[in-house]
Amino acid sequence: MRISALPPQPLLTASSGMYIADRSMFITFTRLLWAFTFKEDPAHPIDIDSFSEGFSSHPLHFKTGIAPRGPWVEEALKSES
């Protein structure tokens, strides 16, 4: 039986950049949800099981409606610019 002097290393290590990217994506998506209403197009229902073929699979495109939640959204976005 061989005993290693080094402790086992994790397969994946997290850098500080990963945490910054995670927080940035969280802020982006929460602001989108705060400002806009996303609705499914009734004429083109979303198929949640439709993905592309191949090694790098991703959801296929779908149609949706995006509208501001109210007139205050435009005012808030203009004031930030």
N, C-alpha and C. Protein backbone atom coordinates (compact mmCIF):
# COMPACT_ATOMS: atom_id res chain seq x y z
N MET A 1 0.83 -1.17 0.00
CA MET A 1 0.00 0.00 0.00
C MET A 1 0.89 1.24 0.00
N ARG A 2 0.63 2.12 -0.94
CA ARG A 2 1.44 3.33 -1.05
C ARG A 2 0.67 4.52 -0.47
N ILE A 3 1.31 5.31 0.36
CA ILE A 3 0.69 6.47 0.96
C ILE A 3 1.33 7.71 0.35
N SER A 4 0.50 8.59 -0.19
CA SER A 4 1.00 9.80 -0.82
C SER A 4 1.21 10.88 0.23
N ALA A 5 2.25 11.66 0.05
CA ALA A 5 2.53 12.75 0.98
C ALA A 5 1.66 13.98 0.68
N LEU A 6 1.11 14.04 -0.54
CA LEU A 6 0.29 15.19 -0.92
C LEU A 6 -1.18 14.89 -0.69
N PRO A 7 -1.94 15.88 -0.21
CA PRO A 7 -3.38 15.66 -0.05
C PRO A 7 -4.05 15.59 -1.43
N PRO A 8 -5.18 14.91 -1.52
CA PRO A 8 -5.87 14.83 -2.82
C PRO A 8 -6.31 16.21 -3.28
N GLN A 9 -6.16 16.48 -4.57
CA GLN A 9 -6.53 17.77 -5.15
C GLN A 9 -7.93 17.69 -5.74
N PRO A 10 -8.72 18.76 -5.59
CA PRO A 10 -10.04 18.75 -6.22
C PRO A 10 -9.90 18.78 -7.73
N LEU A 11 -10.87 18.19 -8.44
CA LEU A 11 -10.81 18.16 -9.89
C LEU A 11 -11.02 19.55 -10.48
N LEU A 12 -11.88 20.34 -9.89
CA LEU A 12 -12.14 21.69 -10.38
C LEU A 12 -11.82 22.70 -9.29
N THR A 13 -11.16 23.75 -9.67
CA THR A 13 -10.91 24.81 -8.71
C THR A 13 -11.61 26.07 -9.20
N ALA A 14 -12.10 26.86 -8.27
CA ALA A 14 -12.82 28.09 -8.62
C ALA A 14 -11.89 29.28 -8.48
N SER A 15 -11.87 30.10 -9.50
CA SER A 15 -11.08 31.32 -9.41
C SER A 15 -12.00 32.46 -8.98
N SER A 16 -11.41 33.57 -8.60
CA SER A 16 -12.22 34.72 -8.19
C SER A 16 -13.05 35.24 -9.36
N GLY A 17 -12.57 35.06 -10.58
CA GLY A 17 -13.31 35.49 -11.76
C GLY A 17 -14.64 34.77 -11.92
N MET A 18 -14.69 33.52 -11.50
CA MET A 18 -15.94 32.76 -11.59
C MET A 18 -16.99 33.37 -10.68
N TYR A 19 -16.60 33.81 -9.50
CA TYR A 19 -17.55 34.41 -8.57
C TYR A 19 -18.04 35.76 -9.08
N ILE A 20 -17.13 36.53 -9.67
CA ILE A 20 -17.52 37.82 -10.24
C ILE A 20 -18.49 37.61 -11.39
N ALA A 21 -18.20 36.65 -12.27
CA ALA A 21 -19.09 36.36 -13.39
C ALA A 21 -20.45 35.89 -12.90
N ASP A 22 -20.47 35.05 -11.87
CA ASP A 22 -21.73 34.56 -11.32
C ASP A 22 -22.58 35.70 -10.78
N ARG A 23 -21.97 36.60 -10.01
CA ARG A 23 -22.70 37.75 -9.45
C ARG A 23 -23.17 38.69 -10.55
N SER A 24 -22.34 38.89 -11.57
CA SER A 24 -22.72 39.77 -12.68
C SER A 24 -23.93 39.21 -13.44
N MET A 25 -23.94 37.90 -13.67
CA MET A 25 -25.08 37.29 -14.35
C MET A 25 -26.33 37.37 -13.49
N PHE A 26 -26.19 37.18 -12.19
CA PHE A 26 -27.34 37.29 -11.29
C PHE A 26 -27.95 38.68 -11.35
N ILE A 27 -27.10 39.70 -11.29
CA ILE A 27 -27.58 41.08 -11.35
C ILE A 27 -28.27 41.35 -12.69
N THR A 28 -27.68 40.90 -13.78
CA THR A 28 -28.26 41.12 -15.10
C THR A 28 -29.63 40.49 -15.22
N PHE A 29 -29.76 39.22 -14.83
CA PHE A 29 -31.04 38.54 -14.98
C PHE A 29 -32.11 39.08 -14.03
N THR A 30 -31.74 39.44 -12.82
CA THR A 30 -32.75 39.99 -11.92
C THR A 30 -33.23 41.36 -12.40
N ARG A 31 -32.35 42.15 -13.00
CA ARG A 31 -32.78 43.44 -13.54
C ARG A 31 -33.68 43.26 -14.75
N LEU A 32 -33.41 42.26 -15.58
CA LEU A 32 -34.30 41.97 -16.71
C LEU A 32 -35.68 41.57 -16.22
N LEU A 33 -35.72 40.71 -15.20
CA LEU A 33 -37.01 40.28 -14.64
C LEU A 33 -37.73 41.42 -13.94
N TRP A 34 -36.99 42.36 -13.35
CA TRP A 34 -37.58 43.52 -12.69
C TRP A 34 -38.23 44.45 -13.72
N ALA A 35 -37.58 44.63 -14.88
CA ALA A 35 -38.01 45.64 -15.83
C ALA A 35 -39.00 45.14 -16.89
N PHE A 36 -38.95 43.87 -17.24
CA PHE A 36 -39.72 43.39 -18.39
C PHE A 36 -40.61 42.20 -18.04
N THR A 37 -41.67 42.07 -18.82
CA THR A 37 -42.55 40.91 -18.75
C THR A 37 -42.24 40.04 -19.97
N PHE A 38 -41.99 38.78 -19.74
CA PHE A 38 -41.71 37.83 -20.82
C PHE A 38 -42.93 36.93 -20.97
N LYS A 39 -43.47 36.85 -22.19
CA LYS A 39 -44.66 36.03 -22.43
C LYS A 39 -44.43 35.09 -23.60
N GLU A 40 -44.98 33.91 -23.47
CA GLU A 40 -44.92 32.93 -24.55
C GLU A 40 -45.87 33.35 -25.66
N ASP A 41 -45.45 33.19 -26.91
CA ASP A 41 -46.30 33.48 -28.06
C ASP A 41 -47.30 32.33 -28.21
N PRO A 42 -48.61 32.59 -28.04
CA PRO A 42 -49.58 31.50 -28.11
C PRO A 42 -49.61 30.78 -29.46
N ALA A 43 -49.25 31.49 -30.51
CA ALA A 43 -49.24 30.86 -31.84
C ALA A 43 -48.05 29.92 -32.02
N HIS A 44 -47.01 30.11 -31.22
CA HIS A 44 -45.80 29.27 -31.31
C HIS A 44 -45.40 28.81 -29.90
N PRO A 45 -46.03 27.78 -29.38
CA PRO A 45 -45.69 27.33 -28.01
C PRO A 45 -44.23 26.86 -27.92
N ILE A 46 -43.66 27.06 -26.75
CA ILE A 46 -42.26 26.68 -26.51
C ILE A 46 -42.19 25.19 -26.18
N ASP A 47 -41.36 24.49 -26.93
CA ASP A 47 -41.12 23.07 -26.65
C ASP A 47 -39.86 22.97 -25.79
N ILE A 48 -40.05 22.67 -24.49
CA ILE A 48 -38.90 22.66 -23.57
C ILE A 48 -37.97 21.47 -23.80
N ASP A 49 -38.37 20.54 -24.65
CA ASP A 49 -37.53 19.37 -24.93
C ASP A 49 -36.79 19.47 -26.25
N SER A 50 -36.85 20.63 -26.94
CA SER A 50 -36.18 20.75 -28.24
C SER A 50 -34.79 21.35 -28.07
N PHE A 51 -33.79 20.53 -28.39
CA PHE A 51 -32.39 20.92 -28.28
C PHE A 51 -31.68 20.62 -29.59
N SER A 52 -30.56 21.30 -29.83
CA SER A 52 -29.77 21.04 -31.03
C SER A 52 -29.07 19.69 -30.89
N GLU A 53 -28.65 19.18 -32.01
CA GLU A 53 -27.92 17.92 -32.03
C GLU A 53 -26.43 18.21 -31.88
N GLY A 54 -25.67 17.24 -31.44
CA GLY A 54 -24.23 17.37 -31.41
C GLY A 54 -23.65 17.43 -30.02
N PHE A 55 -22.34 17.64 -29.99
CA PHE A 55 -21.59 17.63 -28.74
C PHE A 55 -21.96 18.81 -27.84
N SER A 56 -22.06 19.99 -28.45
CA SER A 56 -22.39 21.20 -27.69
C SER A 56 -23.88 21.51 -27.90
N SER A 57 -24.71 20.86 -27.14
CA SER A 57 -26.16 21.00 -27.29
C SER A 57 -26.67 22.26 -26.61
N HIS A 58 -27.67 22.90 -27.23
CA HIS A 58 -28.28 24.09 -26.67
C HIS A 58 -29.76 24.13 -27.06
N PRO A 59 -30.59 24.87 -26.32
CA PRO A 59 -32.01 24.95 -26.68
C PRO A 59 -32.19 25.61 -28.04
N LEU A 60 -33.18 25.14 -28.79
CA LEU A 60 -33.48 25.75 -30.08
C LEU A 60 -34.18 27.09 -29.88
N HIS A 61 -34.14 27.93 -30.91
CA HIS A 61 -34.77 29.24 -30.83
C HIS A 61 -36.28 29.12 -30.67
N PHE A 62 -36.87 30.10 -30.01
CA PHE A 62 -38.32 30.15 -29.84
C PHE A 62 -38.77 31.60 -29.85
N LYS A 63 -40.06 31.81 -30.15
CA LYS A 63 -40.61 33.16 -30.19
C LYS A 63 -41.22 33.50 -28.85
N THR A 64 -41.02 34.75 -28.44
CA THR A 64 -41.56 35.21 -27.18
C THR A 64 -41.85 36.70 -27.28
N GLY A 65 -42.67 37.18 -26.39
CA GLY A 65 -42.95 38.61 -26.33
C GLY A 65 -42.29 39.22 -25.11
N ILE A 66 -41.68 40.38 -25.31
CA ILE A 66 -41.02 41.08 -24.21
C ILE A 66 -41.59 42.50 -24.17
N ALA A 67 -42.10 42.89 -23.01
CA ALA A 67 -42.70 44.22 -22.87
C ALA A 67 -42.29 44.82 -21.53
N PRO A 68 -42.12 46.15 -21.48
CA PRO A 68 -41.80 46.79 -20.20
C PRO A 68 -42.95 46.60 -19.22
N ARG A 69 -42.64 46.47 -17.95
CA ARG A 69 -43.67 46.28 -16.93
C ARG A 69 -44.52 47.52 -16.71
N GLY A 70 -44.04 48.66 -17.10
CA GLY A 70 -44.79 49.90 -16.95
C GLY A 70 -44.00 51.08 -17.47
N PRO A 71 -44.63 52.26 -17.49
CA PRO A 71 -43.92 53.45 -17.97
C PRO A 71 -42.74 53.85 -17.09
N TRP A 72 -42.76 53.46 -15.85
CA TRP A 72 -41.67 53.77 -14.93
C TRP A 72 -40.36 53.09 -15.34
N VAL A 73 -40.45 51.99 -16.12
CA VAL A 73 -39.24 51.28 -16.55
C VAL A 73 -38.42 52.17 -17.47
N GLU A 74 -39.07 52.78 -18.46
CA GLU A 74 -38.36 53.63 -19.40
C GLU A 74 -37.72 54.82 -18.68
N GLU A 75 -38.44 55.40 -17.73
CA GLU A 75 -37.89 56.52 -16.97
C GLU A 75 -36.68 56.08 -16.14
N ALA A 76 -36.77 54.92 -15.52
CA ALA A 76 -35.66 54.42 -14.70
C ALA A 76 -34.44 54.13 -15.57
N LEU A 77 -34.65 53.53 -16.74
CA LEU A 77 -33.53 53.20 -17.62
C LEU A 77 -32.89 54.46 -18.19
N LYS A 78 -33.68 55.47 -18.51
CA LYS A 78 -33.12 56.72 -19.01
C LYS A 78 -32.31 57.44 -17.94
N SER A 79 -32.76 57.38 -16.70
CA SER A 79 -32.05 58.07 -15.63
C SER A 79 -30.70 57.44 -15.32
N GLU A 80 -30.52 56.15 -15.66
CA GLU A 80 -29.25 55.46 -15.42
C GLU A 80 -28.23 55.74 -16.50
N SER A 81 -28.67 56.17 -17.67
CA SER A 81 -27.76 56.38 -18.81
C SER A 81 -26.91 57.61 -18.63
